[in-house]
Every structure is written in structure tokens, then in C-alpha cells.
Amino acid sequence: MTHTGGCHCGAIRYEVSGESLTHALCHCSDCRRHAGAPMVSWTMYPQDALKVTKGTPKIYESSENGRRQFCGDCGTGLFYANEQTLPGLIDIQSSTYDDPESIPARIHIQVAERLNWMERAHELPTFDRYPAMD
């Protein structure tokens, strides 16, 4: 199976082939701060399964061994690699797929760093669109 995706502005496009090794929702503070979100969803693949088909992502050294790749134009986070912890593997931010629902999430990781209010976020009221503010 092949999945395609890219950044928000379209400057970076990619494709990934094969089955993902996992699809994790990461709650670590590094992911939170980089994305500006309470968690980030990642699919993991062997590094050679990923092919950037358009553009060149910028690389940010987010930790001693962690390397985050993102679009230098719009800032969309795309890939994460850490050759020490995950040799030969790459994580892809699954929300950047053209069909982000094609691979269901399987696990939550780094929950030791999860924001306390995220533990019960699924219990909050929901709205199909932005609610009226009276």
C-alpha cells in the first residue's frame, strides 16, 4: 500500500510504501512544543519506505539525536528520525497524509508527559462546527 501526503502549502510532497510498523499518539513535551498541540500522531516506517517527491524539507535538531523535518515555507511538521533510539526508522506525522484516516491510531506513547487535562479530553462537549458564543 502507498500513502501520499504533504505540507499545508504544497511545497513538500511525499509518498510512503508498505505497512506502517505502528501509529502512535505521542504526548511527549518535545512533540507538544514543536507542534503547538497537546499530542502528535506518528506512523513509523523503515526509512527507505519514504520518498520525498517534491521540495526539500528543512531539518531541525530538536534534541541531541532527534531530527525533525518540516516545510520551511509554511512550517508544517512532517518527519522525525532518531538514529540512536530508532535506527533505520522514520516517523511521519499522520495528519499530513492526503487521507489521514487510512491508518487508524494504535497506541498512546509518552503518557508520563501527557497533559493532565488530555486524559479526559474525550469527555468534553463536542460540536460539529465552532459553537456560538453568547
Protein backbone atom coordinates (compact mmCIF):
# COMPACT_ATOMS: atom_id res chain seq x y z
CA MET A 1 0.00 0.00 0.00
CA THR A 2 1.21 3.52 -0.82
CA HIS A 3 0.19 6.66 1.03
CA THR A 4 0.79 10.21 -0.19
CA GLY A 5 0.89 13.45 1.73
CA GLY A 6 2.47 16.84 2.12
CA CYS A 7 2.64 20.12 3.90
CA HIS A 8 -0.10 22.73 4.21
CA CYS A 9 1.16 24.96 1.37
CA GLY A 10 2.04 22.13 -1.04
CA ALA A 11 5.76 22.92 -1.29
CA ILE A 12 6.65 19.47 0.13
CA ARG A 13 5.06 16.24 -1.11
CA TYR A 14 5.93 12.66 -0.19
CA GLU A 15 4.89 9.06 -0.59
CA VAL A 16 5.44 6.09 1.67
CA SER A 17 5.10 2.44 0.68
CA GLY A 18 4.28 -0.64 2.71
CA GLU A 19 2.58 -1.20 6.02
CA SER A 20 3.26 1.10 8.94
CA LEU A 21 5.03 -0.51 11.89
CA THR A 22 2.73 1.39 14.25
CA HIS A 23 0.61 4.52 14.54
CA ALA A 24 1.19 6.27 17.85
CA LEU A 25 -0.27 9.33 19.52
CA CYS A 26 2.71 10.95 21.23
CA HIS A 27 2.28 13.06 24.36
CA CYS A 28 5.95 14.00 24.97
CA SER A 29 6.79 17.61 25.72
CA ASP A 30 9.17 17.77 22.74
CA CYS A 31 6.38 16.89 20.27
CA ARG A 32 3.93 19.21 22.05
CA ARG A 33 6.25 22.18 21.92
CA HIS A 34 7.30 21.58 18.31
CA ALA A 35 3.70 21.20 17.08
CA GLY A 36 2.00 23.63 19.45
CA ALA A 37 -0.54 20.86 20.11
CA PRO A 38 -1.31 18.61 23.09
CA MET A 39 -0.20 15.50 21.16
CA VAL A 40 1.10 14.50 17.73
CA SER A 41 0.19 11.42 15.69
CA TRP A 42 3.03 9.46 14.08
CA THR A 43 3.19 6.47 11.76
CA MET A 44 6.51 4.60 11.78
CA TYR A 45 8.16 3.05 8.72
CA PRO A 46 11.57 1.80 7.65
CA GLN A 47 13.42 4.91 6.44
CA ASP A 48 13.75 3.62 2.87
CA ALA A 49 9.93 3.35 2.54
CA LEU A 50 9.67 7.17 2.46
CA LYS A 51 10.30 9.17 -0.69
CA VAL A 52 10.04 12.97 -0.84
CA THR A 53 8.59 13.65 -4.30
CA LYS A 54 8.53 17.46 -4.24
CA GLY A 55 10.59 20.05 -2.39
CA THR A 56 13.19 19.66 0.32
CA PRO A 57 12.20 19.68 3.99
CA LYS A 58 14.27 21.69 6.45
CA ILE A 59 15.85 19.79 9.33
CA TYR A 60 15.73 20.92 12.94
CA GLU A 61 17.89 19.25 15.61
CA SER A 62 15.24 19.09 18.31
CA SER A 63 17.40 17.10 20.73
CA GLU A 64 20.86 15.57 20.86
CA ASN A 65 19.86 12.81 18.42
CA GLY A 66 16.36 13.81 17.27
CA ARG A 67 15.90 15.32 13.84
CA ARG A 68 12.58 16.88 12.84
CA GLN A 69 11.86 17.72 9.23
CA PHE A 70 9.35 20.40 8.29
CA CYS A 71 8.33 22.71 5.46
CA GLY A 72 10.45 25.86 5.52
CA ASP A 73 7.64 27.84 3.86
CA CYS A 74 4.52 27.03 5.90
CA GLY A 75 6.11 25.33 8.94
CA THR A 76 4.18 22.04 8.73
CA GLY A 77 5.94 19.30 10.70
CA LEU A 78 6.45 16.19 8.56
CA PHE A 79 9.04 13.64 9.73
CA TYR A 80 11.06 12.63 12.78
CA ALA A 81 14.16 10.44 12.98
CA ASN A 82 16.49 9.45 15.81
CA GLU A 83 19.28 7.14 14.69
CA GLN A 84 20.25 6.32 18.29
CA THR A 85 16.81 5.34 19.57
CA LEU A 86 15.14 4.23 16.32
CA PRO A 87 17.91 3.26 13.87
CA GLY A 88 16.74 2.88 10.27
CA LEU A 89 13.23 4.11 11.08
CA ILE A 90 11.31 7.28 10.37
CA ASP A 91 8.12 8.70 11.84
CA ILE A 92 5.66 10.54 9.61
CA GLN A 93 3.11 12.96 11.06
CA SER A 94 0.00 11.08 10.01
CA SER A 95 -2.18 14.18 9.89
CA THR A 96 -0.19 15.25 6.82
CA TYR A 97 -1.43 12.28 4.74
CA ASP A 98 -3.85 13.07 1.93
CA ASP A 99 -6.11 10.50 3.62
CA PRO A 100 -5.23 10.77 7.32
CA GLU A 101 -7.97 8.30 8.28
CA SER A 102 -6.41 5.49 6.20
CA ILE A 103 -4.28 4.20 9.09
CA PRO A 104 -6.05 4.04 12.47
CA ALA A 105 -4.07 5.03 15.57
CA ARG A 106 -2.98 2.03 17.65
CA ILE A 107 -1.32 3.33 20.82
CA HIS A 108 -0.67 6.34 23.07
CA ILE A 109 3.02 6.84 23.91
CA GLN A 110 4.97 9.03 26.36
CA VAL A 111 1.90 9.32 28.58
CA ALA A 112 4.22 10.04 31.53
CA GLU A 113 4.45 13.54 29.97
CA ARG A 114 0.78 13.82 28.93
CA LEU A 115 -1.01 17.00 29.96
CA ASN A 116 -3.35 16.11 32.82
CA TRP A 117 -6.40 17.53 31.06
CA MET A 118 -5.76 15.35 27.98
CA GLU A 119 -6.54 12.20 29.96
CA ARG A 120 -10.26 13.06 29.84
CA ALA A 121 -10.40 15.21 26.71
CA HIS A 122 -12.76 12.72 25.06
CA GLU A 123 -15.36 13.57 27.73
CA LEU A 124 -15.61 17.26 26.76
CA PRO A 125 -18.69 18.56 24.92
CA THR A 126 -18.43 18.27 21.14
CA PHE A 127 -19.69 20.49 18.30
CA ASP A 128 -19.76 19.83 14.55
CA ARG A 129 -18.52 23.37 13.95
CA TYR A 130 -17.39 26.30 16.09
CA PRO A 131 -20.05 26.89 18.78
CA ALA A 132 -21.93 30.16 19.13
CA MET A 133 -20.50 32.38 21.84
CA ASP A 134 -23.39 34.06 23.67
